[in-house]
Structures are given as structure tokens and as C-alpha cells.
Amino acid sequence: RTLQKSTSALPKSFCAQQQEDKLILAIVVYVKTVCCSLLPTRMNVGVAHSEVNPNTRVMNSRGIWLTYALGVGVLHIVLLSIPFFSVPVVWTLTNVIHNLGMYVFMHAVKGTPFETPDQGKARLLTHWEQLDGGVQFTSSRKFFTISPIILYFLASFYTKYNTTHFVINTVSLLSVLIPKLPQLHGVRILGINKY
């Protein structure tokens, strides 16, 4: 009440001056933010990334699934360009090389290339176990589970279910599917890859 009385007791020109000052301040702040957003940004040296562990979200970033599929396609085309490989051999090699790479990068290599503030928790986990923070059945986990299965079906079809190729492709598929099971999250069979 006293504030209302004090402002009503002030002359009209003083209140108008305050409103004008607020408007000028708002315009200055707006112009400053617009002008600063147009200027090139500087790199913040020594400032950490916002993720505690970037490995947990890297497979959800833009274009990673397309890049992954294109990489498998390029591998297949490169193998097809080798003259002494038949089509069934190329499909089997594409499947085996893909699954070997997936096993190494997702299930064998542990830790993270980034310095993380998680007290070394990520140091003991594979990339698959770090993916999406360990949450099971996310879209990226489903994609990286289904993609070797689709490649397996394609390899089996184009090798015309030849027994030799079929056994090689099946063993290769199982080597990347079994470690993806939720029951094996954090499990090291026979102590392999424990440390």
C-alpha cells in the first residue's frame, strides 16, 4: 500500500521516465542478443561436453544409421569389385567382416575415448553396455540387433543356402547376437574381457 501511495504521489513525468527507461533497456538487451547471435562463436577451450559419457548417445545422433548402412554397402561393393570372388563368397565375406567389426567395436573394446566424470564406471563396460545408458530395447539397440539379422538373411539367400556358407554365416551371426542379450549385460563368460 505504501508503495502504491508513493508511486501515485510522484509526478506523472517521473513514472513515464521509468517506463521509457525500461523500454530502452529492453531494446538494448534485444539488440545485443541479436547482434551477438550473428557474430561467429568462439570455441570454449577447456569446457567439457554436456554428456557425462558421449558413448551413451552417439548411436542416436543424426545420420549414424544411414552412415552405418552406407558403410556396409560400400564394403559389399568393394568386395564385389574383386574379380576372383564369386557372389556367394562376397556375401559371406560381407557378413563375416561386418559381424567381426561389430563384435570388436561393440562387444570387445571397453571404456570410452573421452574423459568422463563417472568415476571410471564406463571403463569396465563395452560400448554395447554403455549404449543408451544401459537401457534395453531402445531404438538404436533394436537397429543394431536387427541389422546383422537382415544381413544374415541376405547372405543366406544369395549363397542359395549352401551348407558351408550357411554354417559360417550362422556362427558369425550368433557371435554378435548372443552378447546383445539383456541377460548377458555386464557378464564376462569364463572371465574373458573381465579387466
Protein backbone atom coordinates (compact mmCIF):
# COMPACT_ATOMS: atom_id res chain seq x y z
CA ARG A 1 0.00 0.00 0.00
CA THR A 2 2.76 2.40 0.87
CA LEU A 3 4.41 1.62 -2.46
CA GLN A 4 1.19 2.40 -4.30
CA LYS A 5 0.79 5.64 -2.38
CA SER A 6 4.40 6.63 -3.02
CA THR A 7 4.17 5.98 -6.77
CA SER A 8 0.85 7.78 -7.04
CA ALA A 9 2.34 10.74 -5.17
CA LEU A 10 5.15 11.00 -7.75
CA PRO A 11 4.64 13.30 -10.68
CA LYS A 12 3.47 11.72 -13.94
CA SER A 13 6.66 12.64 -15.70
CA PHE A 14 8.74 10.52 -13.28
CA CYS A 15 6.60 7.35 -13.91
CA ALA A 16 6.73 7.97 -17.66
CA GLN A 17 10.50 8.33 -17.41
CA GLN A 18 10.77 4.95 -15.62
CA GLN A 19 8.69 3.23 -18.30
CA GLU A 20 10.77 4.82 -21.01
CA ASP A 21 13.97 3.66 -19.31
CA LYS A 22 12.64 0.09 -19.08
CA LEU A 23 11.71 0.15 -22.75
CA ILE A 24 15.15 1.43 -23.76
CA LEU A 25 16.82 -1.23 -21.60
CA ALA A 26 14.68 -3.96 -23.20
CA ILE A 27 15.59 -2.71 -26.69
CA VAL A 28 19.31 -2.62 -25.82
CA VAL A 29 19.19 -6.18 -24.46
CA TYR A 30 17.30 -7.40 -27.53
CA VAL A 31 19.71 -5.72 -29.97
CA LYS A 32 22.68 -7.10 -28.04
CA THR A 33 21.36 -10.68 -28.16
CA VAL A 34 20.52 -10.45 -31.88
CA CYS A 35 23.90 -8.94 -32.77
CA CYS A 36 25.82 -11.44 -30.63
CA SER A 37 23.99 -14.36 -32.25
CA LEU A 38 25.12 -13.15 -35.67
CA LEU A 39 28.77 -12.98 -34.68
CA PRO A 40 30.89 -16.10 -35.11
CA THR A 41 31.04 -18.11 -31.92
CA ARG A 42 34.31 -18.80 -30.21
CA MET A 43 35.46 -22.21 -29.15
CA ASN A 44 35.22 -22.70 -25.42
CA VAL A 45 38.62 -24.12 -24.63
CA GLY A 46 38.65 -26.27 -21.52
CA VAL A 47 34.87 -26.56 -21.36
CA ALA A 48 33.58 -30.12 -21.13
CA HIS A 49 30.83 -31.57 -23.28
CA SER A 50 27.36 -31.72 -21.80
CA GLU A 51 27.13 -35.51 -21.72
CA VAL A 52 28.54 -37.44 -18.81
CA ASN A 53 29.51 -40.15 -21.29
CA PRO A 54 29.09 -39.34 -25.02
CA ASN A 55 29.26 -43.08 -25.82
CA THR A 56 25.75 -43.43 -24.42
CA ARG A 57 24.17 -41.24 -27.09
CA VAL A 58 26.47 -41.47 -30.11
CA MET A 59 24.37 -44.07 -31.91
CA ASN A 60 21.28 -41.84 -31.69
CA SER A 61 22.98 -38.89 -33.39
CA ARG A 62 21.88 -37.63 -36.80
CA GLY A 63 22.82 -39.78 -39.72
CA ILE A 64 24.64 -42.53 -37.85
CA TRP A 65 22.24 -45.25 -39.02
CA LEU A 66 22.47 -44.07 -42.62
CA THR A 67 26.26 -43.88 -42.39
CA TYR A 68 26.33 -47.39 -40.94
CA ALA A 69 24.16 -48.78 -43.75
CA LEU A 70 26.21 -46.96 -46.39
CA GLY A 71 29.41 -48.34 -44.86
CA VAL A 72 28.09 -51.90 -45.15
CA GLY A 73 27.00 -51.17 -48.74
CA VAL A 74 30.43 -49.76 -49.64
CA LEU A 75 32.12 -52.80 -48.07
CA HIS A 76 29.93 -55.08 -50.19
CA ILE A 77 30.64 -53.13 -53.41
CA VAL A 78 34.38 -53.15 -52.74
CA LEU A 79 34.29 -56.92 -52.23
CA LEU A 80 32.21 -57.34 -55.40
CA SER A 81 34.85 -55.45 -57.38
CA ILE A 82 37.48 -58.08 -56.59
CA PRO A 83 37.42 -60.24 -59.75
CA PHE A 84 38.13 -63.71 -58.34
CA PHE A 85 35.35 -63.64 -55.66
CA SER A 86 32.04 -65.22 -56.58
CA VAL A 87 28.76 -63.65 -55.44
CA PRO A 88 28.17 -66.21 -52.62
CA VAL A 89 31.72 -65.68 -51.32
CA VAL A 90 31.24 -61.90 -51.38
CA TRP A 91 28.00 -62.10 -49.41
CA THR A 92 29.59 -64.40 -46.84
CA LEU A 93 32.65 -62.15 -46.57
CA THR A 94 30.43 -59.06 -46.20
CA ASN A 95 28.50 -60.76 -43.41
CA VAL A 96 31.60 -62.07 -41.61
CA ILE A 97 33.59 -58.81 -41.88
CA HIS A 98 30.56 -56.81 -40.72
CA ASN A 99 29.95 -59.09 -37.75
CA LEU A 100 33.64 -59.20 -36.84
CA GLY A 101 33.79 -55.41 -36.87
CA MET A 102 30.59 -55.16 -34.85
CA TYR A 103 31.87 -57.67 -32.31
CA VAL A 104 35.18 -55.87 -31.87
CA PHE A 105 33.78 -52.34 -31.65
CA MET A 106 30.63 -53.10 -29.66
CA HIS A 107 31.41 -56.16 -27.54
CA ALA A 108 35.17 -56.46 -27.09
CA VAL A 109 36.51 -52.92 -26.71
CA LYS A 110 35.77 -51.48 -23.28
CA GLY A 111 35.89 -47.97 -21.92
CA THR A 112 35.43 -44.67 -23.67
CA PRO A 113 37.75 -42.44 -25.69
CA PHE A 114 36.50 -39.43 -23.72
CA GLU A 115 37.46 -38.37 -20.25
CA THR A 116 34.29 -38.90 -18.27
CA PRO A 117 33.39 -37.74 -14.78
CA ASP A 118 31.71 -41.05 -13.92
CA GLN A 119 34.46 -42.23 -11.55
CA GLY A 120 35.65 -44.92 -14.00
CA LYS A 121 32.31 -46.69 -14.30
CA ALA A 122 32.45 -46.69 -18.13
CA ARG A 123 35.97 -48.13 -18.05
CA LEU A 124 34.59 -51.60 -17.27
CA LEU A 125 31.73 -51.57 -19.80
CA THR A 126 31.73 -52.39 -23.51
CA HIS A 127 30.25 -49.93 -25.99
CA TRP A 128 27.07 -52.03 -26.19
CA GLU A 129 26.68 -51.93 -22.41
CA GLN A 130 27.19 -48.14 -22.42
CA LEU A 131 24.76 -47.59 -25.31
CA ASP A 132 21.71 -45.53 -24.21
CA GLY A 133 22.89 -45.66 -20.62
CA GLY A 134 22.32 -49.41 -20.37
CA VAL A 135 18.57 -49.14 -21.08
CA GLN A 136 17.41 -52.21 -23.00
CA PHE A 137 15.26 -52.26 -26.17
CA THR A 138 15.78 -48.67 -27.27
CA SER A 139 15.51 -47.80 -30.96
CA SER A 140 19.27 -47.77 -31.50
CA ARG A 141 19.71 -51.13 -29.75
CA LYS A 142 16.92 -52.62 -31.87
CA PHE A 143 18.52 -51.25 -35.04
CA PHE A 144 21.94 -52.68 -34.22
CA THR A 145 20.33 -56.02 -33.32
CA ILE A 146 18.19 -56.27 -36.45
CA SER A 147 20.84 -55.13 -38.95
CA PRO A 148 23.08 -58.25 -38.62
CA ILE A 149 19.96 -60.43 -38.87
CA ILE A 150 18.91 -58.75 -42.14
CA LEU A 151 22.46 -59.09 -43.47
CA TYR A 152 22.38 -62.77 -42.45
CA PHE A 153 19.13 -63.34 -44.36
CA LEU A 154 20.56 -61.62 -47.44
CA ALA A 155 23.79 -63.63 -47.25
CA SER A 156 21.88 -66.89 -46.81
CA PHE A 157 19.59 -66.11 -49.74
CA TYR A 158 22.36 -65.11 -52.15
CA THR A 159 24.51 -68.12 -51.21
CA LYS A 160 21.46 -70.30 -52.00
CA TYR A 161 21.65 -71.82 -48.51
CA ASN A 162 24.88 -73.66 -49.32
CA THR A 163 25.80 -75.67 -46.21
CA THR A 164 29.32 -74.29 -45.85
CA HIS A 165 28.26 -70.68 -46.26
CA PHE A 166 25.21 -71.24 -44.07
CA VAL A 167 27.28 -72.59 -41.17
CA ILE A 168 29.84 -69.77 -41.44
CA ASN A 169 27.11 -67.11 -41.60
CA THR A 170 25.18 -68.64 -38.70
CA VAL A 171 28.23 -68.82 -36.42
CA SER A 172 29.08 -65.24 -37.40
CA LEU A 173 25.53 -64.08 -36.60
CA LEU A 174 25.46 -65.84 -33.23
CA SER A 175 28.79 -64.26 -32.29
CA VAL A 176 27.18 -60.81 -32.40
CA LEU A 177 23.66 -61.68 -31.25
CA ILE A 178 24.47 -63.61 -28.07
CA PRO A 179 26.44 -60.73 -26.46
CA LYS A 180 23.48 -58.42 -27.14
CA LEU A 181 21.10 -60.42 -24.94
CA PRO A 182 19.89 -58.49 -21.87
CA GLN A 183 20.77 -61.49 -19.70
CA LEU A 184 24.44 -61.04 -20.61
CA HIS A 185 24.65 -57.33 -19.73
CA GLY A 186 27.89 -56.96 -17.78
CA VAL A 187 28.53 -60.73 -17.74
CA ARG A 188 32.02 -61.94 -18.63
CA ILE A 189 31.89 -65.63 -19.58
CA LEU A 190 34.87 -67.54 -18.12
CA GLY A 191 36.35 -64.20 -17.08
CA ILE A 192 37.18 -63.29 -20.69
CA ASN A 193 37.43 -59.49 -21.10
CA LYS A 194 36.94 -59.02 -17.38
CA TYR A 195 39.50 -56.24 -16.97
